N, C-alpha and C. Protein backbone atom coordinates (compact mmCIF):
# COMPACT_ATOMS: atom_id res chain seq x y z
N MET A 1 173.98 169.26 162.87
CA MET A 1 174.35 167.82 162.85
C MET A 1 175.85 168.04 164.08
N SER A 2 175.80 166.99 164.72
CA SER A 2 176.83 166.62 165.72
C SER A 2 178.04 165.70 165.08
N GLN A 3 178.67 165.73 165.80
CA GLN A 3 180.23 165.32 165.07
C GLN A 3 181.23 164.69 166.43
N LEU A 4 181.07 163.62 166.68
CA LEU A 4 182.30 162.85 167.66
C LEU A 4 183.56 162.38 166.82
N TYR A 5 184.57 162.72 167.67
CA TYR A 5 185.54 162.02 167.47
C TYR A 5 186.00 161.21 168.52
N VAL A 6 186.41 160.33 168.17
CA VAL A 6 186.83 158.81 169.26
C VAL A 6 187.96 158.33 168.48
N ASP A 7 188.49 157.67 169.22
CA ASP A 7 189.55 156.55 168.63
C ASP A 7 189.14 155.14 168.71
N ASN A 8 188.13 155.02 169.53
CA ASN A 8 187.29 153.46 169.89
C ASN A 8 186.21 153.69 170.85
N ILE A 9 185.27 152.80 170.19
CA ILE A 9 183.86 152.62 170.76
C ILE A 9 183.90 151.22 171.16
N ARG A 10 183.33 151.11 172.54
CA ARG A 10 183.17 149.36 173.23
C ARG A 10 181.65 149.87 173.88
N ASN A 11 181.19 148.81 173.82
CA ASN A 11 180.10 148.79 174.57
C ASN A 11 180.30 149.12 176.25
N ARG A 12 179.40 149.22 177.04
CA ARG A 12 179.80 149.23 178.58
C ARG A 12 180.30 147.90 179.41
N THR A 13 180.37 147.00 178.53
CA THR A 13 181.31 145.86 179.58
C THR A 13 182.40 145.89 178.42
N GLY A 14 182.72 146.62 177.69
CA GLY A 14 183.93 146.53 176.90
C GLY A 14 184.12 145.48 175.72
N GLY A 15 182.94 145.17 174.89
CA GLY A 15 182.91 144.78 174.25
C GLY A 15 182.69 145.31 172.98
N ALA A 16 182.17 144.45 171.62
CA ALA A 16 181.72 145.12 170.53
C ALA A 16 180.66 145.91 170.61
N ILE A 17 180.25 147.05 169.71
CA ILE A 17 178.77 147.24 169.85
C ILE A 17 177.90 147.13 169.58
N GLY A 18 176.66 147.11 169.66
CA GLY A 18 175.70 146.52 168.06
C GLY A 18 175.13 147.93 167.62
N ILE A 19 174.81 147.74 166.74
CA ILE A 19 174.30 148.60 165.93
C ILE A 19 172.80 148.10 164.94
N PRO A 20 171.67 147.89 166.35
CA PRO A 20 170.28 146.94 165.61
C PRO A 20 169.32 147.84 164.56
N THR A 21 169.61 148.74 164.22
CA THR A 21 169.12 150.09 163.02
C THR A 21 169.88 150.02 161.70
N GLY A 22 171.32 149.51 161.89
CA GLY A 22 171.90 149.65 160.71
C GLY A 22 173.15 150.94 161.23
N ALA A 23 173.96 151.29 159.87
CA ALA A 23 174.48 151.63 159.62
C ALA A 23 175.41 152.30 158.61
N VAL A 24 175.52 153.66 157.87
CA VAL A 24 175.73 154.22 157.05
C VAL A 24 177.14 154.73 157.11
N VAL A 25 177.73 154.00 156.01
CA VAL A 25 179.26 154.67 156.42
C VAL A 25 179.66 155.31 154.82
N THR A 26 180.33 156.22 154.83
CA THR A 26 180.85 156.76 153.95
C THR A 26 182.42 156.67 154.11
N GLY A 27 183.24 155.73 153.30
CA GLY A 27 184.52 155.42 153.60
C GLY A 27 184.70 154.34 153.78
N VAL A 28 185.85 154.16 154.43
CA VAL A 28 186.31 152.65 153.93
C VAL A 28 186.03 151.69 155.40
N ILE A 29 185.48 150.41 155.48
CA ILE A 29 185.49 149.52 156.59
C ILE A 29 186.07 148.41 156.50
N THR A 30 187.29 148.24 157.30
CA THR A 30 187.88 147.39 157.75
C THR A 30 187.57 146.63 158.43
N ALA A 31 187.45 144.79 158.60
CA ALA A 31 187.18 143.99 159.43
C ALA A 31 188.15 142.91 158.75
N THR A 32 188.52 142.87 160.49
CA THR A 32 189.72 141.48 160.47
C THR A 32 189.11 140.27 160.68
N THR A 33 187.98 140.26 161.06
CA THR A 33 186.87 138.89 161.65
C THR A 33 185.44 139.67 161.58
N GLY A 34 184.67 137.95 161.02
CA GLY A 34 183.27 138.49 161.44
C GLY A 34 182.66 137.68 160.06
N ASN A 35 181.54 137.32 160.14
CA ASN A 35 180.68 137.51 158.98
C ASN A 35 179.33 138.40 158.79
N ILE A 36 178.99 138.36 157.67
CA ILE A 36 177.81 139.05 157.39
C ILE A 36 176.52 138.28 157.12
N THR A 37 175.61 138.53 157.64
CA THR A 37 174.68 137.56 157.89
C THR A 37 173.30 138.08 157.56
N GLY A 38 173.70 139.52 156.82
CA GLY A 38 172.54 140.03 155.78
C GLY A 38 172.53 139.89 154.58
N ASN A 39 172.21 141.32 153.71
CA ASN A 39 172.38 141.45 152.80
C ASN A 39 173.65 142.60 152.64
N LEU A 40 174.16 141.99 151.50
CA LEU A 40 175.27 143.39 151.20
C LEU A 40 175.30 143.76 149.93
N THR A 41 175.31 144.92 149.77
CA THR A 41 175.04 145.80 147.92
C THR A 41 176.24 146.08 148.07
N VAL A 42 177.07 146.36 146.86
CA VAL A 42 178.31 147.03 146.82
C VAL A 42 178.06 147.61 145.24
N SER A 43 178.02 148.82 145.72
CA SER A 43 177.70 149.85 143.68
C SER A 43 178.84 149.75 143.32
N GLY A 44 180.34 149.15 143.69
CA GLY A 44 181.47 149.53 142.86
C GLY A 44 181.91 148.48 142.64
N ASP A 45 183.50 148.24 142.21
CA ASP A 45 184.09 147.30 142.47
C ASP A 45 184.13 146.72 144.03
N ALA A 46 184.43 145.27 143.90
CA ALA A 46 185.19 144.71 145.05
C ALA A 46 186.02 143.96 144.79
N THR A 47 187.08 144.23 145.63
CA THR A 47 188.49 143.21 145.59
C THR A 47 188.68 142.24 146.61
N VAL A 48 188.72 140.96 146.73
CA VAL A 48 188.64 139.93 147.19
C VAL A 48 190.23 139.49 147.45
N GLY A 49 190.60 139.32 148.65
CA GLY A 49 192.19 138.89 148.17
C GLY A 49 192.56 137.27 148.82
N GLY A 50 191.30 136.44 149.00
CA GLY A 50 191.32 135.33 149.22
C GLY A 50 190.53 134.45 148.28
N ALA A 51 189.95 133.32 148.84
CA ALA A 51 188.45 132.86 148.06
C ALA A 51 187.41 133.19 148.40
N LEU A 52 186.65 133.50 147.38
CA LEU A 52 185.32 133.94 147.22
C LEU A 52 184.39 132.61 147.26
N THR A 53 183.39 132.55 147.86
CA THR A 53 182.71 131.13 147.96
C THR A 53 181.34 131.79 147.81
N TYR A 54 180.39 131.41 146.81
CA TYR A 54 178.82 131.54 147.01
C TYR A 54 178.44 131.04 145.89
N GLU A 55 176.64 130.45 146.77
CA GLU A 55 176.07 129.50 145.57
C GLU A 55 174.55 130.43 145.49
N ASP A 56 173.93 129.80 144.56
CA ASP A 56 173.28 129.82 143.90
C ASP A 56 173.21 131.41 143.22
N VAL A 57 173.79 131.54 142.63
CA VAL A 57 174.63 132.46 141.11
C VAL A 57 173.60 132.42 139.75
N ILE A 58 173.38 133.48 139.08
CA ILE A 58 172.58 132.88 137.92
C ILE A 58 173.80 133.32 136.85
N ASN A 59 174.67 134.01 136.74
CA ASN A 59 175.54 134.39 135.87
C ASN A 59 176.76 134.48 136.57
N VAL A 60 177.86 133.96 136.34
CA VAL A 60 179.25 134.61 136.40
C VAL A 60 180.37 134.99 135.39
N ASP A 61 180.69 136.04 135.56
CA ASP A 61 181.55 136.54 134.76
C ASP A 61 183.11 136.16 135.33
N SER A 62 183.77 135.01 134.73
CA SER A 62 185.08 134.86 135.44
C SER A 62 186.06 134.44 134.68
N VAL A 63 187.36 135.12 134.67
CA VAL A 63 188.73 135.00 134.33
C VAL A 63 189.60 134.42 135.27
N GLY A 64 189.63 132.86 134.37
CA GLY A 64 190.28 132.36 135.52
C GLY A 64 189.52 130.97 135.42
N VAL A 65 190.01 130.02 136.51
CA VAL A 65 189.40 128.75 136.70
C VAL A 65 188.00 128.95 137.51
N ILE A 66 186.99 128.07 136.72
CA ILE A 66 185.40 127.95 137.45
C ILE A 66 185.30 126.52 137.75
N THR A 67 185.30 126.25 138.91
CA THR A 67 184.97 124.91 139.84
C THR A 67 183.32 124.94 139.90
N ALA A 68 182.85 124.40 139.44
CA ALA A 68 181.43 124.30 139.82
C ALA A 68 180.75 122.72 140.30
N ARG A 69 180.04 122.34 141.14
CA ARG A 69 179.37 121.32 141.84
C ARG A 69 178.70 120.83 141.18
N SER A 70 177.81 121.32 139.75
CA SER A 70 177.08 120.24 139.35
C SER A 70 177.07 120.36 137.41
N GLY A 71 177.85 121.28 137.28
CA GLY A 71 177.42 121.42 135.69
C GLY A 71 177.55 122.99 135.50
N VAL A 72 177.98 123.11 134.36
CA VAL A 72 178.28 124.44 133.69
C VAL A 72 177.57 124.25 132.45
N LYS A 73 176.95 125.67 132.12
CA LYS A 73 175.73 125.89 130.97
C LYS A 73 176.19 126.88 129.92
N ILE A 74 176.91 126.53 128.47
CA ILE A 74 177.37 127.92 128.02
C ILE A 74 176.25 128.29 127.14
N THR A 75 175.83 129.55 127.12
CA THR A 75 174.61 129.81 126.59
C THR A 75 175.07 130.83 125.34
N GLY A 76 176.09 130.99 125.37
CA GLY A 76 176.44 132.40 124.36
C GLY A 76 178.26 132.60 124.15
N GLY A 77 178.81 132.93 123.37
CA GLY A 77 180.43 132.73 123.26
C GLY A 77 180.82 131.32 122.61
N GLU A 78 181.69 131.05 123.47
CA GLU A 78 182.50 129.66 122.98
C GLU A 78 183.13 129.28 123.87
N LEU A 79 183.45 127.53 123.90
CA LEU A 79 184.28 127.29 125.40
C LEU A 79 185.94 126.84 124.39
N THR A 80 186.48 127.82 124.87
CA THR A 80 188.19 126.57 124.41
C THR A 80 188.62 126.18 125.21
N LEU A 81 189.42 125.29 124.90
CA LEU A 81 190.13 124.00 125.72
C LEU A 81 191.60 124.42 125.40
N VAL A 82 191.82 124.30 126.94
CA VAL A 82 193.25 124.33 127.00
C VAL A 82 194.07 123.24 127.35
N GLY A 83 194.49 122.14 127.36
CA GLY A 83 195.00 121.20 127.68
C GLY A 83 195.19 120.01 126.81
N THR A 84 195.03 119.14 126.82
CA THR A 84 194.61 118.07 125.49
C THR A 84 193.49 117.43 125.40
N ALA A 85 192.75 117.26 125.96
CA ALA A 85 191.22 116.13 125.97
C ALA A 85 190.01 116.66 127.13
N PHE A 86 188.81 116.44 126.47
CA PHE A 86 188.28 116.50 127.34
C PHE A 86 187.13 115.65 127.35
N THR A 87 185.91 115.39 128.50
CA THR A 87 184.56 114.26 128.11
C THR A 87 183.93 114.57 127.98
N VAL A 88 182.84 114.37 127.09
CA VAL A 88 181.47 114.80 126.88
C VAL A 88 180.52 113.24 127.50
N SER A 89 180.14 113.10 128.55
CA SER A 89 179.24 112.20 128.98
C SER A 89 177.83 112.42 128.78
N GLN A 90 177.26 113.35 127.98
CA GLN A 90 175.65 113.69 128.24
C GLN A 90 175.63 113.15 126.61
N ALA A 91 174.11 112.40 126.40
CA ALA A 91 174.13 112.13 124.93
C ALA A 91 173.92 113.59 124.41
N GLY A 92 174.02 113.64 122.92
CA GLY A 92 174.10 115.16 122.22
C GLY A 92 175.08 115.45 120.98
N VAL A 93 174.97 116.15 120.63
CA VAL A 93 176.03 116.15 118.88
C VAL A 93 177.37 116.75 119.51
N VAL A 94 178.19 116.58 119.36
CA VAL A 94 179.78 116.84 119.38
C VAL A 94 180.12 117.31 117.98
N THR A 95 180.30 118.45 117.86
CA THR A 95 181.11 119.22 116.47
C THR A 95 182.29 119.39 116.52
N ALA A 96 183.38 119.02 115.46
CA ALA A 96 184.69 119.28 115.64
C ALA A 96 185.10 119.83 113.99
N THR A 97 186.03 120.22 114.40
CA THR A 97 186.68 120.36 112.43
C THR A 97 187.77 118.82 112.33
N SER A 98 187.99 118.27 113.04
CA SER A 98 188.45 116.83 113.05
C SER A 98 188.63 115.62 114.12
N PHE A 99 188.65 114.71 114.12
CA PHE A 99 188.63 113.62 115.27
C PHE A 99 189.83 112.62 115.02
N ILE A 100 190.52 112.65 116.39
CA ILE A 100 191.83 111.44 116.10
C ILE A 100 191.13 109.97 116.47
N GLY A 101 191.59 109.12 116.18
CA GLY A 101 191.49 107.54 116.60
C GLY A 101 190.94 106.58 115.25
N ASP A 102 190.35 105.49 115.65
CA ASP A 102 190.40 104.74 114.24
C ASP A 102 188.21 104.64 114.20
N GLY A 103 187.82 105.34 115.15
CA GLY A 103 186.25 105.66 115.02
C GLY A 103 185.52 104.31 115.60
N SER A 104 186.66 103.06 115.86
CA SER A 104 185.49 102.16 116.49
C SER A 104 184.71 102.03 117.47
N GLY A 105 184.75 103.16 118.32
CA GLY A 105 183.47 102.77 119.36
C GLY A 105 182.44 103.87 118.85
N LEU A 106 182.70 104.56 117.48
CA LEU A 106 181.09 105.24 117.34
C LEU A 106 180.12 104.65 116.44
N SER A 107 179.03 104.80 117.03
CA SER A 107 177.69 104.01 116.35
C SER A 107 177.13 105.07 115.39
N GLY A 108 176.42 104.57 114.44
CA GLY A 108 175.63 105.29 113.48
C GLY A 108 176.09 106.06 112.61
N VAL A 109 177.81 105.62 112.33
CA VAL A 109 178.61 105.68 111.04
C VAL A 109 179.09 104.77 109.94
N GLU A 110 179.00 104.90 108.88
CA GLU A 110 178.86 104.26 108.02
C GLU A 110 180.40 104.24 107.33
N SER A 111 181.09 102.84 107.34
CA SER A 111 182.24 103.02 107.00
C SER A 111 182.70 103.03 105.27
N TRP A 112 183.60 103.70 105.17
CA TRP A 112 183.55 103.95 103.75
C TRP A 112 184.03 102.75 103.01
N ASN A 113 184.86 101.77 103.59
CA ASN A 113 185.06 100.21 103.15
C ASN A 113 183.58 99.62 102.85
N GLN A 114 182.65 100.01 103.63
CA GLN A 114 181.17 99.52 103.52
C GLN A 114 181.09 99.78 101.83
N PHE A 115 181.01 101.43 101.45
CA PHE A 115 181.05 101.74 100.46
C PHE A 115 181.82 101.80 99.14
N ASP A 116 182.84 101.13 99.53
CA ASP A 116 183.90 100.69 98.52
C ASP A 116 183.65 99.29 98.13
N THR A 117 183.36 98.35 98.82
CA THR A 117 182.54 96.94 98.81
C THR A 117 181.25 96.98 97.63
N TRP A 118 180.62 98.01 97.64
CA TRP A 118 179.35 98.28 97.08
C TRP A 118 179.52 98.73 95.90
N LEU A 119 180.42 99.67 95.72
CA LEU A 119 180.49 100.43 94.75
C LEU A 119 181.60 99.81 93.42
N TYR A 120 182.39 98.97 94.08
CA TYR A 120 183.38 98.35 93.30
C TYR A 120 183.18 96.90 93.38
N GLY A 121 182.85 96.01 94.14
CA GLY A 121 183.13 95.04 94.44
C GLY A 121 184.08 94.55 95.04
N GLY A 122 184.65 95.01 95.49
CA GLY A 122 186.19 94.79 96.23
C GLY A 122 185.88 94.03 97.52
N GLY A 123 186.92 92.82 98.06
CA GLY A 123 186.50 92.33 99.09
C GLY A 123 187.29 92.67 100.39
């Protein structure tokens, strides 16, 4: 097998070289600019110094802030809220250990005042 030791490789007009059949690299690849327009397979850890933007992802394992375009579905574990409140805008069940407020906006909930009137004849 031959070895080639060079400091720079340029095409015949002085620009970047083309590798139409691909390249196998063992070691470090450093790029200062450019885009990956094909598939990228990383078999070990990957470190990104800036923002990582990606779409059509099935599972995200994130430590930190998640920004989602259309929604987040939590299928296991729990959701821990850091802050003061969050809004549930979809119909469904909300379970909590306590609620704050007078409950005047709730529907389908019987008031204890109604039961007191019925049981004790209060007014």
